[in-house]
Amino acid sequence: MSRKAKKSSREELILQLAQLESEPARLKFLSRHKSLAQREVFKQLSDLVLEKIRVDTRVALHLADAAC
């Protein structure tokens, strides 16, 4: 898989993760997508939280919870 395709699929997974409203749902999702358990992804989530907090606080909260 190319680096661009990998980044794109990771971004899609992060967007899906942002829509999950409960901790059990996020944990289940993360256990199925172990590729998200990387320092680089954590940094991406943190940056995205700062971006989304101005637009959609619900999504920002979900992303922040997932990053913890």
PDB file of N, CA and C in Angstrom:
ATOM      1  N   MET A   1       0.858  -1.173   0.000  1.00  0.00           N
ATOM      2  CA  MET A   1       0.000   0.000   0.000  1.00  0.00           C
ATOM      3  C   MET A   1       0.904   1.236   0.000  1.00  0.00           C
ATOM      4  N   SER A   2       0.570   2.208  -0.818  1.00  0.00           N
ATOM      5  CA  SER A   2       1.384   3.414  -0.899  1.00  0.00           C
ATOM      6  C   SER A   2       1.216   4.264   0.355  1.00  0.00           C
ATOM      7  N   ARG A   3       2.175   5.140   0.567  1.00  0.00           N
ATOM      8  CA  ARG A   3       2.137   6.013   1.751  1.00  0.00           C
ATOM      9  C   ARG A   3       0.904   6.907   1.725  1.00  0.00           C
ATOM     10  N   LYS A   4       0.549   7.406   0.529  1.00  0.00           N
ATOM     11  CA  LYS A   4      -0.627   8.272   0.395  1.00  0.00           C
ATOM     12  C   LYS A   4      -1.911   7.497   0.707  1.00  0.00           C
ATOM     13  N   ALA A   5      -2.009   6.276   0.220  1.00  0.00           N
ATOM     14  CA  ALA A   5      -3.191   5.453   0.493  1.00  0.00           C
ATOM     15  C   ALA A   5      -3.277   5.115   1.971  1.00  0.00           C
ATOM     16  N   LYS A   6      -2.126   4.858   2.594  1.00  0.00           N
ATOM     17  CA  LYS A   6      -2.097   4.567   4.022  1.00  0.00           C
ATOM     18  C   LYS A   6      -2.600   5.765   4.817  1.00  0.00           C
ATOM     19  N   LYS A   7      -2.127   6.960   4.448  1.00  0.00           N
ATOM     20  CA  LYS A   7      -2.539   8.179   5.135  1.00  0.00           C
ATOM     21  C   LYS A   7      -4.032   8.409   4.948  1.00  0.00           C
ATOM     22  N   SER A   8      -4.512   8.180   3.736  1.00  0.00           N
ATOM     23  CA  SER A   8      -5.929   8.370   3.446  1.00  0.00           C
ATOM     24  C   SER A   8      -6.786   7.411   4.252  1.00  0.00           C
ATOM     25  N   SER A   9      -6.384   6.146   4.311  1.00  0.00           N
ATOM     26  CA  SER A   9      -7.181   5.178   5.059  1.00  0.00           C
ATOM     27  C   SER A   9      -7.120   5.490   6.555  1.00  0.00           C
ATOM     28  N   ARG A  10      -5.978   5.974   7.040  1.00  0.00           N
ATOM     29  CA  ARG A  10      -5.868   6.356   8.444  1.00  0.00           C
ATOM     30  C   ARG A  10      -6.793   7.527   8.738  1.00  0.00           C
ATOM     31  N   GLU A  11      -6.837   8.489   7.852  1.00  0.00           N
ATOM     32  CA  GLU A  11      -7.723   9.641   8.037  1.00  0.00           C
ATOM     33  C   GLU A  11      -9.183   9.208   8.063  1.00  0.00           C
ATOM     34  N   GLU A  12      -9.538   8.259   7.221  1.00  0.00           N
ATOM     35  CA  GLU A  12     -10.908   7.736   7.217  1.00  0.00           C
ATOM     36  C   GLU A  12     -11.224   7.062   8.548  1.00  0.00           C
ATOM     37  N   LEU A  13     -10.276   6.294   9.069  1.00  0.00           N
ATOM     38  CA  LEU A  13     -10.477   5.630  10.360  1.00  0.00           C
ATOM     39  C   LEU A  13     -10.632   6.652  11.475  1.00  0.00           C
ATOM     40  N   ILE A  14      -9.844   7.709  11.435  1.00  0.00           N
ATOM     41  CA  ILE A  14      -9.940   8.748  12.457  1.00  0.00           C
ATOM     42  C   ILE A  14     -11.294   9.440  12.381  1.00  0.00           C
ATOM     43  N   LEU A  15     -11.781   9.681  11.187  1.00  0.00           N
ATOM     44  CA  LEU A  15     -13.111  10.285  11.047  1.00  0.00           C
ATOM     45  C   LEU A  15     -14.193   9.361  11.599  1.00  0.00           C
ATOM     46  N   GLN A  16     -14.045   8.066  11.362  1.00  0.00           N
ATOM     47  CA  GLN A  16     -15.003   7.102  11.926  1.00  0.00           C
ATOM     48  C   GLN A  16     -14.911   7.100  13.451  1.00  0.00           C
ATOM     49  N   LEU A  17     -13.703   7.134  13.956  1.00  0.00           N
ATOM     50  CA  LEU A  17     -13.487   7.163  15.399  1.00  0.00           C
ATOM     51  C   LEU A  17     -14.139   8.388  16.025  1.00  0.00           C
ATOM     52  N   ALA A  18     -14.078   9.502  15.339  1.00  0.00           N
ATOM     53  CA  ALA A  18     -14.651  10.754  15.854  1.00  0.00           C
ATOM     54  C   ALA A  18     -16.165  10.676  16.006  1.00  0.00           C
ATOM     55  N   GLN A  19     -16.804   9.791  15.287  1.00  0.00           N
ATOM     56  CA  GLN A  19     -18.251   9.677  15.343  1.00  0.00           C
ATOM     57  C   GLN A  19     -18.744   8.767  16.468  1.00  0.00           C
ATOM     58  N   LEU A  20     -17.848   8.018  17.066  1.00  0.00           N
ATOM     59  CA  LEU A  20     -18.243   7.086  18.129  1.00  0.00           C
ATOM     60  C   LEU A  20     -18.457   7.841  19.432  1.00  0.00           C
ATOM     61  N   GLU A  21     -19.612   7.622  20.036  1.00  0.00           N
ATOM     62  CA  GLU A  21     -20.002   8.424  21.196  1.00  0.00           C
ATOM     63  C   GLU A  21     -19.699   7.788  22.545  1.00  0.00           C
ATOM     64  N   SER A  22     -19.437   6.495  22.578  1.00  0.00           N
ATOM     65  CA  SER A  22     -19.215   5.867  23.884  1.00  0.00           C
ATOM     66  C   SER A  22     -17.799   5.303  23.987  1.00  0.00           C
ATOM     67  N   GLU A  23     -17.319   5.251  25.206  1.00  0.00           N
ATOM     68  CA  GLU A  23     -15.987   4.703  25.471  1.00  0.00           C
ATOM     69  C   GLU A  23     -15.891   3.236  25.028  1.00  0.00           C
ATOM     70  N   PRO A  24     -16.891   2.390  25.340  1.00  0.00           N
ATOM     71  CA  PRO A  24     -16.807   0.995  24.882  1.00  0.00           C
ATOM     72  C   PRO A  24     -16.747   0.886  23.355  1.00  0.00           C
ATOM     73  N   ALA A  25     -17.492   1.727  22.664  1.00  0.00           N
ATOM     74  CA  ALA A  25     -17.464   1.695  21.194  1.00  0.00           C
ATOM     75  C   ALA A  25     -16.089   2.108  20.676  1.00  0.00           C
ATOM     76  N   ARG A  26     -15.485   3.132  21.300  1.00  0.00           N
ATOM     77  CA  ARG A  26     -14.147   3.564  20.880  1.00  0.00           C
ATOM     78  C   ARG A  26     -13.107   2.477  21.158  1.00  0.00           C
ATOM     79  N   LEU A  27     -13.191   1.847  22.320  1.00  0.00           N
ATOM     80  CA  LEU A  27     -12.244   0.783  22.653  1.00  0.00           C
ATOM     81  C   LEU A  27     -12.363  -0.393  21.687  1.00  0.00           C
ATOM     82  N   LYS A  28     -13.585  -0.761  21.357  1.00  0.00           N
ATOM     83  CA  LYS A  28     -13.812  -1.858  20.403  1.00  0.00           C
ATOM     84  C   LYS A  28     -13.234  -1.492  19.043  1.00  0.00           C
ATOM     85  N   PHE A  29     -13.486  -0.263  18.601  1.00  0.00           N
ATOM     86  CA  PHE A  29     -12.991   0.209  17.313  1.00  0.00           C
ATOM     87  C   PHE A  29     -11.461   0.182  17.300  1.00  0.00           C
ATOM     88  N   LEU A  30     -10.848   0.701  18.361  1.00  0.00           N
ATOM     89  CA  LEU A  30      -9.386   0.736  18.428  1.00  0.00           C
ATOM     90  C   LEU A  30      -8.781  -0.665  18.513  1.00  0.00           C
ATOM     91  N   SER A  31      -9.485  -1.594  19.139  1.00  0.00           N
ATOM     92  CA  SER A  31      -8.966  -2.968  19.206  1.00  0.00           C
ATOM     93  C   SER A  31      -9.018  -3.635  17.832  1.00  0.00           C
ATOM     94  N   ARG A  32      -9.951  -3.212  16.989  1.00  0.00           N
ATOM     95  CA  ARG A  32     -10.037  -3.747  15.621  1.00  0.00           C
ATOM     96  C   ARG A  32      -9.058  -3.068  14.678  1.00  0.00           C
ATOM     97  N   HIS A  33      -8.639  -1.862  15.024  1.00  0.00           N
ATOM     98  CA  HIS A  33      -7.754  -1.083  14.151  1.00  0.00           C
ATOM     99  C   HIS A  33      -6.474  -0.725  14.907  1.00  0.00           C
ATOM    100  N   LYS A  34      -5.685  -1.738  15.150  1.00  0.00           N
ATOM    101  CA  LYS A  34      -4.466  -1.577  15.944  1.00  0.00           C
ATOM    102  C   LYS A  34      -3.449  -0.654  15.279  1.00  0.00           C
ATOM    103  N   SER A  35      -3.594  -0.408  14.001  1.00  0.00           N
ATOM    104  CA  SER A  35      -2.674   0.493  13.309  1.00  0.00           C
ATOM    105  C   SER A  35      -2.797   1.924  13.831  1.00  0.00           C
ATOM    106  N   LEU A  36      -3.874   2.222  14.534  1.00  0.00           N
ATOM    107  CA  LEU A  36      -4.053   3.563  15.088  1.00  0.00           C
ATOM    108  C   LEU A  36      -3.271   3.760  16.387  1.00  0.00           C
ATOM    109  N   ALA A  37      -2.730   2.691  16.927  1.00  0.00           N
ATOM    110  CA  ALA A  37      -1.991   2.772  18.193  1.00  0.00           C
ATOM    111  C   ALA A  37      -0.527   3.108  17.913  1.00  0.00           C
ATOM    112  N   GLN A  38      -0.305   4.318  17.411  1.00  0.00           N
ATOM    113  CA  GLN A  38       1.035   4.796  17.095  1.00  0.00           C
ATOM    114  C   GLN A  38       1.180   6.229  17.588  1.00  0.00           C
ATOM    115  N   ARG A  39       2.385   6.591  17.943  1.00  0.00           N
ATOM    116  CA  ARG A  39       2.651   7.950  18.419  1.00  0.00           C
ATOM    117  C   ARG A  39       2.244   8.988  17.373  1.00  0.00           C
ATOM    118  N   GLU A  40       2.502   8.699  16.119  1.00  0.00           N
ATOM    119  CA  GLU A  40       2.158   9.607  15.028  1.00  0.00           C
ATOM    120  C   GLU A  40       0.643   9.856  14.974  1.00  0.00           C
ATOM    121  N   VAL A  41      -0.139   8.824  15.198  1.00  0.00           N
ATOM    122  CA  VAL A  41      -1.598   8.952  15.176  1.00  0.00           C
ATOM    123  C   VAL A  41      -2.059   9.772  16.381  1.00  0.00           C
ATOM    124  N   PHE A  42      -1.436   9.558  17.541  1.00  0.00           N
ATOM    125  CA  PHE A  42      -1.784  10.336  18.720  1.00  0.00           C
ATOM    126  C   PHE A  42      -1.563  11.823  18.460  1.00  0.00           C
ATOM    127  N   LYS A  43      -0.445  12.153  17.838  1.00  0.00           N
ATOM    128  CA  LYS A  43      -0.152  13.552  17.499  1.00  0.00           C
ATOM    129  C   LYS A  43      -1.201  14.085  16.531  1.00  0.00           C
ATOM    130  N   GLN A  44      -1.575  13.279  15.564  1.00  0.00           N
ATOM    131  CA  GLN A  44      -2.597  13.683  14.589  1.00  0.00           C
ATOM    132  C   GLN A  44      -3.939  13.920  15.289  1.00  0.00           C
ATOM    133  N   LEU A  45      -4.296  13.054  16.225  1.00  0.00           N
ATOM    134  CA  LEU A  45      -5.536  13.225  16.979  1.00  0.00           C
ATOM    135  C   LEU A  45      -5.502  14.515  17.793  1.00  0.00           C
ATOM    136  N   SER A  46      -4.374  14.761  18.437  1.00  0.00           N
ATOM    137  CA  SER A  46      -4.238  15.979  19.247  1.00  0.00           C
ATOM    138  C   SER A  46      -4.395  17.235  18.399  1.00  0.00           C
ATOM    139  N   ASP A  47      -3.757  17.244  17.249  1.00  0.00           N
ATOM    140  CA  ASP A  47      -3.879  18.392  16.343  1.00  0.00           C
ATOM    141  C   ASP A  47      -5.311  18.556  15.848  1.00  0.00           C
ATOM    142  N   LEU A  48      -5.948  17.442  15.563  1.00  0.00           N
ATOM    143  CA  LEU A  48      -7.322  17.484  15.065  1.00  0.00           C
ATOM    144  C   LEU A  48      -8.285  17.983  16.135  1.00  0.00           C
ATOM    145  N   VAL A  49      -8.046  17.631  17.386  1.00  0.00           N
ATOM    146  CA  VAL A  49      -8.888  18.128  18.480  1.00  0.00           C
ATOM    147  C   VAL A  49      -8.840  19.648  18.512  1.00  0.00           C
ATOM    148  N   LEU A  50      -7.642  20.206  18.411  1.00  0.00           N
ATOM    149  CA  LEU A  50      -7.504  21.664  18.427  1.00  0.00           C
ATOM    150  C   LEU A  50      -8.209  22.326  17.246  1.00  0.00           C
ATOM    151  N   GLU A  51      -8.201  21.648  16.121  1.00  0.00           N
ATOM    152  CA  GLU A  51      -8.886  22.170  14.935  1.00  0.00           C
ATOM    153  C   GLU A  51     -10.409  22.063  15.084  1.00  0.00           C
ATOM    154  N   LYS A  52     -10.881  20.914  15.547  1.00  0.00           N
ATOM    155  CA  LYS A  52     -12.322  20.647  15.617  1.00  0.00           C
ATOM    156  C   LYS A  52     -13.013  21.382  16.761  1.00  0.00           C
ATOM    157  N   ILE A  53     -12.278  21.754  17.798  1.00  0.00           N
ATOM    158  CA  ILE A  53     -12.908  22.383  18.964  1.00  0.00           C
ATOM    159  C   ILE A  53     -13.627  23.666  18.565  1.00  0.00           C
ATOM    160  N   ARG A  54     -13.154  24.307  17.524  1.00  0.00           N
ATOM    161  CA  ARG A  54     -13.773  25.554  17.058  1.00  0.00           C
ATOM    162  C   ARG A  54     -15.005  25.304  16.193  1.00  0.00           C
ATOM    163  N   VAL A  55     -15.122  24.097  15.677  1.00  0.00           N
ATOM    164  CA  VAL A  55     -16.181  23.780  14.717  1.00  0.00           C
ATOM    165  C   VAL A  55     -17.249  22.868  15.311  1.00  0.00           C
ATOM    166  N   ASP A  56     -16.816  21.787  15.939  1.00  0.00           N
ATOM    167  CA  ASP A  56     -17.744  20.777  16.451  1.00  0.00           C
ATOM    168  C   ASP A  56     -17.196  20.223  17.763  1.00  0.00           C
ATOM    169  N   THR A  57     -17.671  20.765  18.861  1.00  0.00           N
ATOM    170  CA  THR A  57     -17.133  20.361  20.159  1.00  0.00           C
ATOM    171  C   THR A  57     -17.396  18.893  20.473  1.00  0.00           C
ATOM    172  N   ARG A  58     -18.497  18.356  19.980  1.00  0.00           N
ATOM    173  CA  ARG A  58     -18.815  16.938  20.212  1.00  0.00           C
ATOM    174  C   ARG A  58     -17.747  16.051  19.576  1.00  0.00           C
ATOM    175  N   VAL A  59     -17.406  16.322  18.342  1.00  0.00           N
ATOM    176  CA  VAL A  59     -16.381  15.540  17.642  1.00  0.00           C
ATOM    177  C   VAL A  59     -15.033  15.738  18.326  1.00  0.00           C
ATOM    178  N   ALA A  60     -14.724  16.963  18.708  1.00  0.00           N
ATOM    179  CA  ALA A  60     -13.446  17.233  19.391  1.00  0.00           C
ATOM    180  C   ALA A  60     -13.355  16.433  20.691  1.00  0.00           C
ATOM    181  N   LEU A  61     -14.446  16.371  21.441  1.00  0.00           N
ATOM    182  CA  LEU A  61     -14.456  15.609  22.680  1.00  0.00           C
ATOM    183  C   LEU A  61     -14.236  14.129  22.428  1.00  0.00           C
ATOM    184  N   HIS A  62     -14.884  13.578  21.426  1.00  0.00           N
ATOM    185  CA  HIS A  62     -14.710  12.158  21.095  1.00  0.00           C
ATOM    186  C   HIS A  62     -13.272  11.879  20.714  1.00  0.00           C
ATOM    187  N   LEU A  63     -12.676  12.758  19.924  1.00  0.00           N
ATOM    188  CA  LEU A  63     -11.284  12.557  19.518  1.00  0.00           C
ATOM    189  C   LEU A  63     -10.351  12.661  20.722  1.00  0.00           C
ATOM    190  N   ALA A  64     -10.622  13.617  21.596  1.00  0.00           N
ATOM    191  CA  ALA A  64      -9.791  13.770  22.793  1.00  0.00           C
ATOM    192  C   ALA A  64      -9.902  12.547  23.685  1.00  0.00           C
ATOM    193  N   ASP A  65     -11.102  12.012  23.827  1.00  0.00           N
ATOM    194  CA  ASP A  65     -11.289  10.796  24.628  1.00  0.00           C
ATOM    195  C   ASP A  65     -10.537   9.627  24.004  1.00  0.00           C
ATOM    196  N   ALA A  66     -10.572   9.535  22.689  1.00  0.00           N
ATOM    197  CA  ALA A  66      -9.894   8.441  22.009  1.00  0.00           C
ATOM    198  C   ALA A  66      -8.383   8.540  22.160  1.00  0.00           C
ATOM    199  N   ALA A  67      -7.889   9.759  22.248  1.00  0.00           N
ATOM    200  CA  ALA A  67      -6.442   9.964  22.364  1.00  0.00           C
ATOM    201  C   ALA A  67      -5.917   9.597  23.751  1.00  0.00           C
ATOM    202  N   CYS A  68      -6.802   9.532  24.717  1.00  0.00           N
ATOM    203  CA  CYS A  68      -6.357   9.243  26.098  1.00  0.00           C
ATOM    204  C   CYS A  68      -6.055   7.812  26.315  1.00  0.00           C
TER     205      CYS A  68
END
